[in-house]
């Protein structure tokens, strides 16, 4: 995922996935938003 033709955030098949561990301090990714309105829309869409 990204803008134009430059992906900078990837989702993929993992070697191992642990949902329980993720919720206790796993991956955290913060996406840049251009406005507070976009953040509100991101949250609702998610």
ModelCIF file with pLDDT and N, C-alpha, C, O atoms, coordinates in Angstrom:
data_MODEL
#
_entry.id   MODEL 
#
_entity.id                         1 
_entity.type                       polymer 
_entity.pdbx_number_of_molecules   1 
#
_entity_poly.entity_id                      1 
_entity_poly.type                           'polypeptide(L)' 
_entity_poly.nstd_linkage                   no 
_entity_poly.nstd_monomer                   no 
_entity_poly.pdbx_seq_one_letter_code       
;(UNK)(UNK)(UNK)(UNK)(UNK)(UNK)(UNK)(UNK)(UNK)(UNK)(UNK)(UNK)(UNK)(UNK)(UNK)(UNK)
(UNK)(UNK)(UNK)(UNK)(UNK)(UNK)(UNK)(UNK)(UNK)(UNK)(UNK)(UNK)(UNK)(UNK)(UNK)(UNK)
(UNK)(UNK)(UNK)(UNK)(UNK)(UNK)(UNK)(UNK)(UNK)(UNK)(UNK)(UNK)(UNK)(UNK)
;
_entity_poly.pdbx_seq_one_letter_code_can   XXXXXXXXXXXXXXXXXXXXXXXXXXXXXXXXXXXXXXXXXXXXXX 
_entity_poly.pdbx_strand_id                 A 
#
loop_
_entity_poly_seq.entity_id 
_entity_poly_seq.num 
_entity_poly_seq.mon_id 
_entity_poly_seq.hetero 
1 1  UNK n 
1 2  UNK n 
1 3  UNK n 
1 4  UNK n 
1 5  UNK n 
1 6  UNK n 
1 7  UNK n 
1 8  UNK n 
1 9  UNK n 
1 10 UNK n 
1 11 UNK n 
1 12 UNK n 
1 13 UNK n 
1 14 UNK n 
1 15 UNK n 
1 16 UNK n 
1 17 UNK n 
1 18 UNK n 
1 19 UNK n 
1 20 UNK n 
1 21 UNK n 
1 22 UNK n 
1 23 UNK n 
1 24 UNK n 
1 25 UNK n 
1 26 UNK n 
1 27 UNK n 
1 28 UNK n 
1 29 UNK n 
1 30 UNK n 
1 31 UNK n 
1 32 UNK n 
1 33 UNK n 
1 34 UNK n 
1 35 UNK n 
1 36 UNK n 
1 37 UNK n 
1 38 UNK n 
1 39 UNK n 
1 40 UNK n 
1 41 UNK n 
1 42 UNK n 
1 43 UNK n 
1 44 UNK n 
1 45 UNK n 
1 46 UNK n 
#
_struct_asym.id          A 
_struct_asym.entity_id   1 
#
loop_
_ma_qa_metric.id 
_ma_qa_metric.mode 
_ma_qa_metric.name 
_ma_qa_metric.software_group_id 
_ma_qa_metric.type 
1 global pLDDT . pLDDT 
2 local  pLDDT . pLDDT 
#
_ma_qa_metric_global.metric_id      1 
_ma_qa_metric_global.metric_value   85.39 
_ma_qa_metric_global.model_id       1 
_ma_qa_metric_global.ordinal_id     1 
#
loop_
_ma_qa_metric_local.label_asym_id 
_ma_qa_metric_local.label_comp_id 
_ma_qa_metric_local.label_seq_id 
_ma_qa_metric_local.metric_id 
_ma_qa_metric_local.metric_value 
_ma_qa_metric_local.model_id 
_ma_qa_metric_local.ordinal_id 
A UNK 1  2 97.00 1 1  
A UNK 2  2 95.00 1 2  
A UNK 3  2 91.00 1 3  
A UNK 4  2 87.00 1 4  
A UNK 5  2 85.00 1 5  
A UNK 6  2 89.00 1 6  
A UNK 7  2 94.00 1 7  
A UNK 8  2 94.00 1 8  
A UNK 9  2 95.00 1 9  
A UNK 10 2 94.00 1 10 
A UNK 11 2 94.00 1 11 
A UNK 12 2 90.00 1 12 
A UNK 13 2 83.00 1 13 
A UNK 14 2 75.00 1 14 
A UNK 15 2 65.00 1 15 
A UNK 16 2 66.00 1 16 
A UNK 17 2 65.00 1 17 
A UNK 18 2 70.00 1 18 
A UNK 19 2 66.00 1 19 
A UNK 20 2 70.00 1 20 
A UNK 21 2 65.00 1 21 
A UNK 22 2 63.00 1 22 
A UNK 23 2 62.00 1 23 
A UNK 24 2 62.00 1 24 
A UNK 25 2 57.00 1 25 
A UNK 26 2 64.00 1 26 
A UNK 27 2 80.00 1 27 
A UNK 28 2 85.00 1 28 
A UNK 29 2 92.00 1 29 
A UNK 30 2 93.00 1 30 
A UNK 31 2 95.00 1 31 
A UNK 32 2 93.00 1 32 
A UNK 33 2 94.00 1 33 
A UNK 34 2 93.00 1 34 
A UNK 35 2 95.00 1 35 
A UNK 36 2 96.00 1 36 
A UNK 37 2 97.00 1 37 
A UNK 38 2 96.00 1 38 
A UNK 39 2 96.00 1 39 
A UNK 40 2 98.00 1 40 
A UNK 41 2 98.00 1 41 
A UNK 42 2 97.00 1 42 
A UNK 43 2 98.00 1 43 
A UNK 44 2 98.00 1 44 
A UNK 45 2 98.00 1 45 
A UNK 46 2 98.00 1 46 
#
loop_
_atom_site.group_PDB 
_atom_site.id 
_atom_site.type_symbol 
_atom_site.label_atom_id 
_atom_site.label_alt_id 
_atom_site.label_comp_id 
_atom_site.label_asym_id 
_atom_site.label_entity_id 
_atom_site.label_seq_id 
_atom_site.pdbx_PDB_ins_code 
_atom_site.Cartn_x 
_atom_site.Cartn_y 
_atom_site.Cartn_z 
_atom_site.occupancy 
_atom_site.B_iso_or_equiv 
_atom_site.pdbx_formal_charge 
_atom_site.auth_seq_id 
_atom_site.auth_comp_id 
_atom_site.auth_asym_id 
_atom_site.auth_atom_id 
_atom_site.pdbx_PDB_model_num 
ATOM 1   N N  . UNK A 1 1  ? 0.835   -1.201  0.000  1.00 97.00 ? 1  UNK A N  1 
ATOM 2   C CA . UNK A 1 1  ? 0.000   0.000   0.000  1.00 97.00 ? 1  UNK A CA 1 
ATOM 3   C C  . UNK A 1 1  ? 0.869   1.250   0.000  1.00 97.00 ? 1  UNK A C  1 
ATOM 4   O O  . UNK A 1 1  ? 1.964   1.267   0.561  1.00 97.00 ? 1  UNK A O  1 
ATOM 5   N N  . UNK A 1 2  ? 0.358   2.290   -0.638 1.00 95.00 ? 2  UNK A N  1 
ATOM 6   C CA . UNK A 1 2  ? 1.066   3.558   -0.661 1.00 95.00 ? 2  UNK A CA 1 
ATOM 7   C C  . UNK A 1 2  ? 0.360   4.540   -1.555 1.00 95.00 ? 2  UNK A C  1 
ATOM 8   O O  . UNK A 1 2  ? -0.853  4.478   -1.754 1.00 95.00 ? 2  UNK A O  1 
ATOM 9   N N  . UNK A 1 3  ? 1.153   5.453   -2.093 1.00 91.00 ? 3  UNK A N  1 
ATOM 10  C CA . UNK A 1 3  ? 0.647   6.446   -3.027 1.00 91.00 ? 3  UNK A CA 1 
ATOM 11  C C  . UNK A 1 3  ? 1.355   6.245   -4.354 1.00 91.00 ? 3  UNK A C  1 
ATOM 12  O O  . UNK A 1 3  ? 2.522   5.854   -4.385 1.00 91.00 ? 3  UNK A O  1 
ATOM 13  N N  . UNK A 1 4  ? 0.653   6.510   -5.453 1.00 87.00 ? 4  UNK A N  1 
ATOM 14  C CA . UNK A 1 4  ? 1.209   6.349   -6.796 1.00 87.00 ? 4  UNK A CA 1 
ATOM 15  C C  . UNK A 1 4  ? 1.747   4.927   -6.959 1.00 87.00 ? 4  UNK A C  1 
ATOM 16  O O  . UNK A 1 4  ? 0.991   3.962   -6.845 1.00 87.00 ? 4  UNK A O  1 
ATOM 17  N N  . UNK A 1 5  ? 3.028   4.793   -7.221 1.00 85.00 ? 5  UNK A N  1 
ATOM 18  C CA . UNK A 1 5  ? 3.576   3.446   -7.433 1.00 85.00 ? 5  UNK A CA 1 
ATOM 19  C C  . UNK A 1 5  ? 4.600   3.060   -6.372 1.00 85.00 ? 5  UNK A C  1 
ATOM 20  O O  . UNK A 1 5  ? 5.431   2.184   -6.612 1.00 85.00 ? 5  UNK A O  1 
ATOM 21  N N  . UNK A 1 6  ? 4.555   3.701   -5.200 1.00 89.00 ? 6  UNK A N  1 
ATOM 22  C CA . UNK A 1 6  ? 5.529   3.434   -4.135 1.00 89.00 ? 6  UNK A CA 1 
ATOM 23  C C  . UNK A 1 6  ? 4.845   2.812   -2.920 1.00 89.00 ? 6  UNK A C  1 
ATOM 24  O O  . UNK A 1 6  ? 4.297   3.532   -2.086 1.00 89.00 ? 6  UNK A O  1 
ATOM 25  N N  . UNK A 1 7  ? 4.870   1.462   -2.811 1.00 94.00 ? 7  UNK A N  1 
ATOM 26  C CA . UNK A 1 7  ? 4.312   0.843   -1.613 1.00 94.00 ? 7  UNK A CA 1 
ATOM 27  C C  . UNK A 1 7  ? 5.275   1.006   -0.437 1.00 94.00 ? 7  UNK A C  1 
ATOM 28  O O  . UNK A 1 7  ? 6.477   0.781   -0.572 1.00 94.00 ? 7  UNK A O  1 
ATOM 29  N N  . UNK A 1 8  ? 4.733   1.399   0.713  1.00 94.00 ? 8  UNK A N  1 
ATOM 30  C CA . UNK A 1 8  ? 5.579   1.518   1.904  1.00 94.00 ? 8  UNK A CA 1 
ATOM 31  C C  . UNK A 1 8  ? 5.010   0.728   3.083  1.00 94.00 ? 8  UNK A C  1 
ATOM 32  O O  . UNK A 1 8  ? 5.678   0.569   4.105  1.00 94.00 ? 8  UNK A O  1 
ATOM 33  N N  . UNK A 1 9  ? 3.791   0.240   2.946  1.00 95.00 ? 9  UNK A N  1 
ATOM 34  C CA . UNK A 1 9  ? 3.165   -0.599  3.972  1.00 95.00 ? 9  UNK A CA 1 
ATOM 35  C C  . UNK A 1 9  ? 2.711   -1.886  3.295  1.00 95.00 ? 9  UNK A C  1 
ATOM 36  O O  . UNK A 1 9  ? 1.959   -1.864  2.320  1.00 95.00 ? 9  UNK A O  1 
ATOM 37  N N  . UNK A 1 10 ? 3.185   -3.008  3.835  1.00 94.00 ? 10 UNK A N  1 
ATOM 38  C CA . UNK A 1 10 ? 2.911   -4.304  3.229  1.00 94.00 ? 10 UNK A CA 1 
ATOM 39  C C  . UNK A 1 10 ? 2.160   -5.229  4.188  1.00 94.00 ? 10 UNK A C  1 
ATOM 40  O O  . UNK A 1 10 ? 2.410   -5.233  5.393  1.00 94.00 ? 10 UNK A O  1 
ATOM 41  N N  . UNK A 1 11 ? 1.235   -6.012  3.626  1.00 94.00 ? 11 UNK A N  1 
ATOM 42  C CA . UNK A 1 11 ? 0.599   -7.103  4.360  1.00 94.00 ? 11 UNK A CA 1 
ATOM 43  C C  . UNK A 1 11 ? 0.972   -8.386  3.627  1.00 94.00 ? 11 UNK A C  1 
ATOM 44  O O  . UNK A 1 11 ? 1.023   -8.411  2.397  1.00 94.00 ? 11 UNK A O  1 
ATOM 45  N N  . UNK A 1 12 ? 1.233   -9.452  4.384  1.00 90.00 ? 12 UNK A N  1 
ATOM 46  C CA . UNK A 1 12 ? 1.632   -10.683 3.710  1.00 90.00 ? 12 UNK A CA 1 
ATOM 47  C C  . UNK A 1 12 ? 1.467   -11.911 4.565  1.00 90.00 ? 12 UNK A C  1 
ATOM 48  O O  . UNK A 1 12 ? 1.139   -11.840 5.749  1.00 90.00 ? 12 UNK A O  1 
ATOM 49  N N  . UNK A 1 13 ? 1.704   -13.046 3.927  1.00 83.00 ? 13 UNK A N  1 
ATOM 50  C CA . UNK A 1 13 ? 1.648   -14.327 4.621  1.00 83.00 ? 13 UNK A CA 1 
ATOM 51  C C  . UNK A 1 13 ? 2.857   -14.415 5.548  1.00 83.00 ? 13 UNK A C  1 
ATOM 52  O O  . UNK A 1 13 ? 3.994   -14.326 5.085  1.00 83.00 ? 13 UNK A O  1 
ATOM 53  N N  . UNK A 1 14 ? 2.631   -14.586 6.841  1.00 75.00 ? 14 UNK A N  1 
ATOM 54  C CA . UNK A 1 14 ? 3.745   -14.636 7.795  1.00 75.00 ? 14 UNK A CA 1 
ATOM 55  C C  . UNK A 1 14 ? 4.290   -16.059 7.975  1.00 75.00 ? 14 UNK A C  1 
ATOM 56  O O  . UNK A 1 14 ? 3.649   -17.047 7.618  1.00 75.00 ? 14 UNK A O  1 
ATOM 57  N N  . UNK A 1 15 ? 5.477   -16.116 8.535  1.00 65.00 ? 15 UNK A N  1 
ATOM 58  C CA . UNK A 1 15 ? 6.010   -17.417 8.928  1.00 65.00 ? 15 UNK A CA 1 
ATOM 59  C C  . UNK A 1 15 ? 5.246   -17.909 10.157 1.00 65.00 ? 15 UNK A C  1 
ATOM 60  O O  . UNK A 1 15 ? 5.004   -19.107 10.302 1.00 65.00 ? 15 UNK A O  1 
ATOM 61  N N  . UNK A 1 16 ? 4.862   -16.971 11.053 1.00 66.00 ? 16 UNK A N  1 
ATOM 62  C CA . UNK A 1 16 ? 4.122   -17.303 12.261 1.00 66.00 ? 16 UNK A CA 1 
ATOM 63  C C  . UNK A 1 16 ? 3.286   -16.090 12.651 1.00 66.00 ? 16 UNK A C  1 
ATOM 64  O O  . UNK A 1 16 ? 3.756   -14.955 12.567 1.00 66.00 ? 16 UNK A O  1 
ATOM 65  N N  . UNK A 1 17 ? 2.051   -16.325 13.075 1.00 65.00 ? 17 UNK A N  1 
ATOM 66  C CA . UNK A 1 17 ? 1.164   -15.237 13.487 1.00 65.00 ? 17 UNK A CA 1 
ATOM 67  C C  . UNK A 1 17 ? 0.587   -15.573 14.849 1.00 65.00 ? 17 UNK A C  1 
ATOM 68  O O  . UNK A 1 17 ? 0.120   -16.691 15.067 1.00 65.00 ? 17 UNK A O  1 
ATOM 69  N N  . UNK A 1 18 ? 0.614   -14.617 15.769 1.00 70.00 ? 18 UNK A N  1 
ATOM 70  C CA . UNK A 1 18 ? 0.096   -14.827 17.111 1.00 70.00 ? 18 UNK A CA 1 
ATOM 71  C C  . UNK A 1 18 ? -0.768  -13.628 17.490 1.00 70.00 ? 18 UNK A C  1 
ATOM 72  O O  . UNK A 1 18 ? -0.262  -12.632 18.008 1.00 70.00 ? 18 UNK A O  1 
ATOM 73  N N  . UNK A 1 19 ? -2.089  -13.728 17.228 1.00 66.00 ? 19 UNK A N  1 
ATOM 74  C CA . UNK A 1 19 ? -3.004  -12.621 17.510 1.00 66.00 ? 19 UNK A CA 1 
ATOM 75  C C  . UNK A 1 19 ? -2.953  -12.188 18.973 1.00 66.00 ? 19 UNK A C  1 
ATOM 76  O O  . UNK A 1 19 ? -2.980  -10.994 19.271 1.00 66.00 ? 19 UNK A O  1 
ATOM 77  N N  . UNK A 1 20 ? -2.879  -13.147 19.876 1.00 70.00 ? 20 UNK A N  1 
ATOM 78  C CA . UNK A 1 20 ? -2.864  -12.833 21.310 1.00 70.00 ? 20 UNK A CA 1 
ATOM 79  C C  . UNK A 1 20 ? -1.615  -12.016 21.662 1.00 70.00 ? 20 UNK A C  1 
ATOM 80  O O  . UNK A 1 20 ? -1.701  -11.039 22.405 1.00 70.00 ? 20 UNK A O  1 
ATOM 81  N N  . UNK A 1 21 ? -0.469  -12.413 21.132 1.00 65.00 ? 21 UNK A N  1 
ATOM 82  C CA . UNK A 1 21 ? 0.767   -11.673 21.399 1.00 65.00 ? 21 UNK A CA 1 
ATOM 83  C C  . UNK A 1 21 ? 0.716   -10.281 20.773 1.00 65.00 ? 21 UNK A C  1 
ATOM 84  O O  . UNK A 1 21 ? 1.196   -9.318  21.370 1.00 65.00 ? 21 UNK A O  1 
ATOM 85  N N  . UNK A 1 22 ? 0.141   -10.167 19.580 1.00 63.00 ? 22 UNK A N  1 
ATOM 86  C CA . UNK A 1 22 ? 0.044   -8.858  18.933 1.00 63.00 ? 22 UNK A CA 1 
ATOM 87  C C  . UNK A 1 22 ? -0.709  -7.872  19.816 1.00 63.00 ? 22 UNK A C  1 
ATOM 88  O O  . UNK A 1 22 ? -0.294  -6.721  19.952 1.00 63.00 ? 22 UNK A O  1 
ATOM 89  N N  . UNK A 1 23 ? -1.811  -8.311  20.416 1.00 62.00 ? 23 UNK A N  1 
ATOM 90  C CA . UNK A 1 23 ? -2.609  -7.413  21.244 1.00 62.00 ? 23 UNK A CA 1 
ATOM 91  C C  . UNK A 1 23 ? -1.905  -7.037  22.548 1.00 62.00 ? 23 UNK A C  1 
ATOM 92  O O  . UNK A 1 23 ? -2.335  -6.115  23.241 1.00 62.00 ? 23 UNK A O  1 
ATOM 93  N N  . UNK A 1 24 ? -0.843  -7.736  22.880 1.00 62.00 ? 24 UNK A N  1 
ATOM 94  C CA . UNK A 1 24 ? -0.115  -7.438  24.113 1.00 62.00 ? 24 UNK A CA 1 
ATOM 95  C C  . UNK A 1 24 ? 1.203   -6.732  23.844 1.00 62.00 ? 24 UNK A C  1 
ATOM 96  O O  . UNK A 1 24 ? 2.115   -6.804  24.668 1.00 62.00 ? 24 UNK A O  1 
ATOM 97  N N  . UNK A 1 25 ? 1.324   -6.064  22.732 1.00 57.00 ? 25 UNK A N  1 
ATOM 98  C CA . UNK A 1 25 ? 2.545   -5.306  22.475 1.00 57.00 ? 25 UNK A CA 1 
ATOM 99  C C  . UNK A 1 25 ? 3.209   -5.633  21.165 1.00 57.00 ? 25 UNK A C  1 
ATOM 100 O O  . UNK A 1 25 ? 4.400   -5.373  20.996 1.00 57.00 ? 25 UNK A O  1 
ATOM 101 N N  . UNK A 1 26 ? 2.474   -6.194  20.237 1.00 64.00 ? 26 UNK A N  1 
ATOM 102 C CA . UNK A 1 26 ? 3.031   -6.542  18.939 1.00 64.00 ? 26 UNK A CA 1 
ATOM 103 C C  . UNK A 1 26 ? 3.229   -5.321  18.050 1.00 64.00 ? 26 UNK A C  1 
ATOM 104 O O  . UNK A 1 26 ? 3.585   -4.239  18.518 1.00 64.00 ? 26 UNK A O  1 
ATOM 105 N N  . UNK A 1 27 ? 2.998   -5.515  16.791 1.00 80.00 ? 27 UNK A N  1 
ATOM 106 C CA . UNK A 1 27 ? 3.213   -4.489  15.780 1.00 80.00 ? 27 UNK A CA 1 
ATOM 107 C C  . UNK A 1 27 ? 2.347   -3.257  16.004 1.00 80.00 ? 27 UNK A C  1 
ATOM 108 O O  . UNK A 1 27 ? 1.172   -3.364  16.356 1.00 80.00 ? 27 UNK A O  1 
ATOM 109 N N  . UNK A 1 28 ? 2.944   -2.083  15.797 1.00 85.00 ? 28 UNK A N  1 
ATOM 110 C CA . UNK A 1 28 ? 2.219   -0.817  15.825 1.00 85.00 ? 28 UNK A CA 1 
ATOM 111 C C  . UNK A 1 28 ? 2.654   -0.025  14.610 1.00 85.00 ? 28 UNK A C  1 
ATOM 112 O O  . UNK A 1 28 ? 3.837   0.269   14.438 1.00 85.00 ? 28 UNK A O  1 
ATOM 113 N N  . UNK A 1 29 ? 1.685   0.322   13.761 1.00 92.00 ? 29 UNK A N  1 
ATOM 114 C CA . UNK A 1 29 ? 1.967   1.104   12.560 1.00 92.00 ? 29 UNK A CA 1 
ATOM 115 C C  . UNK A 1 29 ? 1.114   2.359   12.600 1.00 92.00 ? 29 UNK A C  1 
ATOM 116 O O  . UNK A 1 29 ? -0.103  2.285   12.769 1.00 92.00 ? 29 UNK A O  1 
ATOM 117 N N  . UNK A 1 30 ? 1.756   3.517   12.442 1.00 93.00 ? 30 UNK A N  1 
ATOM 118 C CA . UNK A 1 30 ? 1.033   4.797   12.401 1.00 93.00 ? 30 UNK A CA 1 
ATOM 119 C C  . UNK A 1 30 ? 1.104   5.344   10.982 1.00 93.00 ? 30 UNK A C  1 
ATOM 120 O O  . UNK A 1 30 ? 2.189   5.509   10.424 1.00 93.00 ? 30 UNK A O  1 
ATOM 121 N N  . UNK A 1 31 ? -0.064  5.625   10.399 1.00 95.00 ? 31 UNK A N  1 
ATOM 122 C CA . UNK A 1 31 ? -0.161  6.158   9.050  1.00 95.00 ? 31 UNK A CA 1 
ATOM 123 C C  . UNK A 1 31 ? -0.298  7.682   9.102  1.00 95.00 ? 31 UNK A C  1 
ATOM 124 O O  . UNK A 1 31 ? -1.012  8.216   9.950  1.00 95.00 ? 31 UNK A O  1 
ATOM 125 N N  . UNK A 1 32 ? 0.381   8.366   8.202  1.00 93.00 ? 32 UNK A N  1 
ATOM 126 C CA . UNK A 1 32 ? 0.305   9.828   8.099  1.00 93.00 ? 32 UNK A CA 1 
ATOM 127 C C  . UNK A 1 32 ? -1.054  10.209  7.544  1.00 93.00 ? 32 UNK A C  1 
ATOM 128 O O  . UNK A 1 32 ? -1.511  9.646   6.550  1.00 93.00 ? 32 UNK A O  1 
ATOM 129 N N  . UNK A 1 33 ? -1.693  11.163  8.189  1.00 94.00 ? 33 UNK A N  1 
ATOM 130 C CA . UNK A 1 33 ? -2.959  11.710  7.700  1.00 94.00 ? 33 UNK A CA 1 
ATOM 131 C C  . UNK A 1 33 ? -2.767  13.186  7.378  1.00 94.00 ? 33 UNK A C  1 
ATOM 132 O O  . UNK A 1 33 ? -2.025  13.891  8.061  1.00 94.00 ? 33 UNK A O  1 
ATOM 133 N N  . UNK A 1 34 ? -3.439  13.637  6.342  1.00 93.00 ? 34 UNK A N  1 
ATOM 134 C CA . UNK A 1 34 ? -3.302  15.034  5.922  1.00 93.00 ? 34 UNK A CA 1 
ATOM 135 C C  . UNK A 1 34 ? -4.204  15.981  6.703  1.00 93.00 ? 34 UNK A C  1 
ATOM 136 O O  . UNK A 1 34 ? -4.024  17.198  6.661  1.00 93.00 ? 34 UNK A O  1 
ATOM 137 N N  . UNK A 1 35 ? -5.187  15.410  7.423  1.00 95.00 ? 35 UNK A N  1 
ATOM 138 C CA . UNK A 1 35 ? -6.101  16.260  8.186  1.00 95.00 ? 35 UNK A CA 1 
ATOM 139 C C  . UNK A 1 35 ? -6.745  15.461  9.313  1.00 95.00 ? 35 UNK A C  1 
ATOM 140 O O  . UNK A 1 35 ? -6.733  14.230  9.308  1.00 95.00 ? 35 UNK A O  1 
ATOM 141 N N  . UNK A 1 36 ? -7.299  16.174  10.262 1.00 96.00 ? 36 UNK A N  1 
ATOM 142 C CA . UNK A 1 36 ? -8.030  15.518  11.342 1.00 96.00 ? 36 UNK A CA 1 
ATOM 143 C C  . UNK A 1 36 ? -9.305  14.858  10.808 1.00 96.00 ? 36 UNK A C  1 
ATOM 144 O O  . UNK A 1 36 ? -9.725  13.811  11.300 1.00 96.00 ? 36 UNK A O  1 
ATOM 145 N N  . UNK A 1 37 ? -9.899  15.472  9.816  1.00 97.00 ? 37 UNK A N  1 
ATOM 146 C CA . UNK A 1 37 ? -11.088 14.894  9.185  1.00 97.00 ? 37 UNK A CA 1 
ATOM 147 C C  . UNK A 1 37 ? -10.763 13.525  8.577  1.00 97.00 ? 37 UNK A C  1 
ATOM 148 O O  . UNK A 1 37 ? -11.571 12.601  8.663  1.00 97.00 ? 37 UNK A O  1 
ATOM 149 N N  . UNK A 1 38 ? -9.586  13.396  7.966  1.00 96.00 ? 38 UNK A N  1 
ATOM 150 C CA . UNK A 1 38 ? -9.160  12.116  7.391  1.00 96.00 ? 38 UNK A CA 1 
ATOM 151 C C  . UNK A 1 38 ? -8.946  11.076  8.489  1.00 96.00 ? 38 UNK A C  1 
ATOM 152 O O  . UNK A 1 38 ? -9.238  9.897   8.291  1.00 96.00 ? 38 UNK A O  1 
ATOM 153 N N  . UNK A 1 39 ? -8.439  11.505  9.643  1.00 96.00 ? 39 UNK A N  1 
ATOM 154 C CA . UNK A 1 39 ? -8.246  10.591  10.775 1.00 96.00 ? 39 UNK A CA 1 
ATOM 155 C C  . UNK A 1 39 ? -9.594  10.086  11.275 1.00 96.00 ? 39 UNK A C  1 
ATOM 156 O O  . UNK A 1 39 ? -9.754  8.895   11.542 1.00 96.00 ? 39 UNK A O  1 
ATOM 157 N N  . UNK A 1 40 ? -10.553 10.979  11.400 1.00 98.00 ? 40 UNK A N  1 
ATOM 158 C CA . UNK A 1 40 ? -11.898 10.575  11.820 1.00 98.00 ? 40 UNK A CA 1 
ATOM 159 C C  . UNK A 1 40 ? -12.484 9.552   10.843 1.00 98.00 ? 40 UNK A C  1 
ATOM 160 O O  . UNK A 1 40 ? -13.085 8.561   11.260 1.00 98.00 ? 40 UNK A O  1 
ATOM 161 N N  . UNK A 1 41 ? -12.304 9.800   9.532  1.00 98.00 ? 41 UNK A N  1 
ATOM 162 C CA . UNK A 1 41 ? -12.830 8.897   8.502  1.00 98.00 ? 41 UNK A CA 1 
ATOM 163 C C  . UNK A 1 41 ? -12.099 7.557   8.520  1.00 98.00 ? 41 UNK A C  1 
ATOM 164 O O  . UNK A 1 41 ? -12.719 6.511   8.330  1.00 98.00 ? 41 UNK A O  1 
ATOM 165 N N  . UNK A 1 42 ? -10.784 7.583   8.747  1.00 97.00 ? 42 UNK A N  1 
ATOM 166 C CA . UNK A 1 42 ? -9.989  6.346   8.866  1.00 97.00 ? 42 UNK A CA 1 
ATOM 167 C C  . UNK A 1 42 ? -10.551 5.482   9.993  1.00 97.00 ? 42 UNK A C  1 
ATOM 168 O O  . UNK A 1 42 ? -10.783 4.288   9.808  1.00 97.00 ? 42 UNK A O  1 
ATOM 169 N N  . UNK A 1 43 ? -10.766 6.084   11.151 1.00 98.00 ? 43 UNK A N  1 
ATOM 170 C CA . UNK A 1 43 ? -11.243 5.347   12.316 1.00 98.00 ? 43 UNK A CA 1 
ATOM 171 C C  . UNK A 1 43 ? -12.616 4.718   12.032 1.00 98.00 ? 43 UNK A C  1 
ATOM 172 O O  . UNK A 1 43 ? -12.832 3.541   12.320 1.00 98.00 ? 43 UNK A O  1 
ATOM 173 N N  . UNK A 1 44 ? -13.529 5.498   11.474 1.00 98.00 ? 44 UNK A N  1 
ATOM 174 C CA . UNK A 1 44 ? -14.867 4.981   11.161 1.00 98.00 ? 44 UNK A CA 1 
ATOM 175 C C  . UNK A 1 44 ? -14.787 3.845   10.153 1.00 98.00 ? 44 UNK A C  1 
ATOM 176 O O  . UNK A 1 44 ? -15.467 2.830   10.307 1.00 98.00 ? 44 UNK A O  1 
ATOM 177 N N  . UNK A 1 45 ? -13.958 4.006   9.118  1.00 98.00 ? 45 UNK A N  1 
ATOM 178 C CA . UNK A 1 45 ? -13.823 2.974   8.086  1.00 98.00 ? 45 UNK A CA 1 
ATOM 179 C C  . UNK A 1 45 ? -13.188 1.708   8.664  1.00 98.00 ? 45 UNK A C  1 
ATOM 180 O O  . UNK A 1 45 ? -13.611 0.600   8.335  1.00 98.00 ? 45 UNK A O  1 
ATOM 181 N N  . UNK A 1 46 ? -12.187 1.863   9.515  1.00 98.00 ? 46 UNK A N  1 
ATOM 182 C CA . UNK A 1 46 ? -11.518 0.707   10.117 1.00 98.00 ? 46 UNK A CA 1 
ATOM 183 C C  . UNK A 1 46 ? -12.481 -0.079  11.001 1.00 98.00 ? 46 UNK A C  1 
ATOM 184 O O  . UNK A 1 46 ? -12.094 -1.088  11.591 1.00 98.00 ? 46 UNK A O  1 
#
